[in-house]
Amino acid sequence: MGQGEALVRARMTELTALCRRFGVRRLELFGSALRDDFDSATSDLDFLVEIEPPAGIGYADAFFGLQEGLEQLFGRSVDLLSFGAVKNPHLLQAIERSKRSLYAA
């Protein structure tokens, strides 16, 4: 397990609470957090998410609320992509090869 993944997994209780709060159906980690080139001082975290917002919360509010919550939780910049938004086949292949599931409702 790389440093980035260990950083994320150390906060699973808080991460799970965020996912439930914002109606996350799936959350996966990908990118440098899973590689040896993760820099604990400067690297961001990359997540892939599927959201079904709870009643009373719009999709954009849930998406950006989750992103802000993740940035506060981990104290670093977060790139958050939705499953349906990734259209580039090369990016999709790279994500598929390296992603790690963190949460599933």
Protein backbone atom coordinates (compact mmCIF):
# COMPACT_ATOMS: atom_id res chain seq x y z
CA MET A 1 0.00 0.00 0.00
CA GLY A 2 1.38 3.39 -1.02
CA GLN A 3 1.67 6.43 1.23
CA GLY A 4 -1.35 8.13 -0.33
CA GLU A 5 -3.60 5.13 0.08
CA ALA A 6 -2.40 4.67 3.67
CA LEU A 7 -3.21 8.34 4.35
CA VAL A 8 -6.75 7.84 3.05
CA ARG A 9 -7.37 4.49 4.76
CA ALA A 10 -6.25 5.93 8.10
CA ARG A 11 -9.31 8.24 7.96
CA MET A 12 -11.91 5.67 6.87
CA THR A 13 -14.35 6.43 9.70
CA GLU A 14 -14.51 10.11 8.73
CA LEU A 15 -14.50 9.25 5.03
CA THR A 16 -17.45 6.90 5.45
CA ALA A 17 -19.39 9.60 7.33
CA LEU A 18 -18.76 12.08 4.48
CA CYS A 19 -19.91 9.54 1.91
CA ARG A 20 -23.15 8.90 3.79
CA ARG A 21 -23.78 12.61 4.32
CA PHE A 22 -23.56 13.42 0.61
CA GLY A 23 -25.24 10.31 -0.84
CA VAL A 24 -22.15 8.64 -2.29
CA ARG A 25 -22.89 5.29 -3.92
CA ARG A 26 -19.25 4.55 -4.87
CA LEU A 27 -15.94 6.22 -4.13
CA GLU A 28 -12.64 5.07 -5.58
CA LEU A 29 -9.10 6.34 -5.24
CA PHE A 30 -6.77 6.55 -8.25
CA GLY A 31 -3.69 8.37 -9.46
CA SER A 32 -0.47 9.23 -7.65
CA ALA A 33 -1.87 8.26 -4.22
CA LEU A 34 -1.48 4.64 -5.33
CA ARG A 35 2.04 5.02 -6.74
CA ASP A 36 5.51 5.41 -5.30
CA ASP A 37 5.77 8.98 -6.62
CA PHE A 38 3.13 10.25 -4.14
CA ASP A 39 4.58 13.21 -2.24
CA SER A 40 2.99 13.51 1.19
CA ALA A 41 3.76 17.25 1.25
CA THR A 42 2.54 18.32 -2.20
CA SER A 43 0.50 15.62 -3.99
CA ASP A 44 -3.22 15.95 -4.35
CA LEU A 45 -5.70 13.08 -4.06
CA ASP A 46 -7.74 11.84 -7.02
CA PHE A 47 -11.16 10.29 -6.46
CA LEU A 48 -13.82 8.86 -8.74
CA VAL A 49 -17.34 9.16 -7.36
CA GLU A 50 -20.92 8.15 -8.06
CA ILE A 51 -23.44 10.23 -6.11
CA GLU A 52 -27.16 9.88 -5.53
CA PRO A 53 -27.86 12.93 -3.35
CA PRO A 54 -30.23 12.53 -0.42
CA ALA A 55 -33.56 14.35 -0.50
CA GLY A 56 -33.15 18.08 -0.12
CA ILE A 57 -29.61 18.24 -1.51
CA GLY A 58 -29.03 18.98 -5.19
CA TYR A 59 -26.38 17.12 -7.17
CA ALA A 60 -24.00 20.10 -7.41
CA ASP A 61 -24.30 20.80 -3.67
CA ALA A 62 -23.55 17.15 -2.88
CA PHE A 63 -20.64 16.95 -5.33
CA PHE A 64 -18.92 20.16 -4.25
CA GLY A 65 -19.77 19.58 -0.59
CA LEU A 66 -18.05 16.20 -0.80
CA GLN A 67 -15.03 17.72 -2.54
CA GLU A 68 -14.71 20.41 0.13
CA GLY A 69 -15.16 17.84 2.89
CA LEU A 70 -12.44 15.61 1.42
CA GLU A 71 -10.05 18.57 1.14
CA GLN A 72 -10.65 19.47 4.78
CA LEU A 73 -10.36 15.86 5.94
CA PHE A 74 -7.03 15.25 4.21
CA GLY A 75 -5.62 18.80 4.32
CA ARG A 76 -4.77 18.85 0.63
CA SER A 77 -6.23 19.53 -2.80
CA VAL A 78 -8.67 16.93 -4.15
CA ASP A 79 -9.58 16.18 -7.75
CA LEU A 80 -13.06 14.66 -7.81
CA LEU A 81 -14.42 13.12 -11.01
CA SER A 82 -17.83 11.56 -11.51
CA PHE A 83 -18.00 8.15 -13.18
CA GLY A 84 -20.11 9.42 -16.07
CA ALA A 85 -17.96 12.48 -16.77
CA VAL A 86 -14.80 10.63 -17.81
CA LYS A 87 -15.00 10.24 -21.60
CA ASN A 88 -11.35 9.96 -22.59
CA PRO A 89 -10.72 6.24 -23.25
CA HIS A 90 -7.03 6.48 -22.30
CA LEU A 91 -7.85 8.10 -18.97
CA LEU A 92 -10.57 5.51 -18.36
CA GLN A 93 -8.11 2.67 -18.99
CA ALA A 94 -5.53 4.21 -16.67
CA ILE A 95 -8.11 4.67 -13.92
CA GLU A 96 -9.46 1.13 -14.36
CA ARG A 97 -5.97 -0.37 -14.08
CA SER A 98 -5.07 1.42 -10.86
CA LYS A 99 -8.21 2.36 -8.91
CA ARG A 100 -8.94 1.13 -5.38
CA SER A 101 -12.45 0.96 -4.01
CA LEU A 102 -12.91 2.90 -0.78
CA TYR A 103 -16.67 3.02 -0.27
CA ALA A 104 -19.75 1.35 -1.70
CA ALA A 105 -23.28 1.94 -0.44
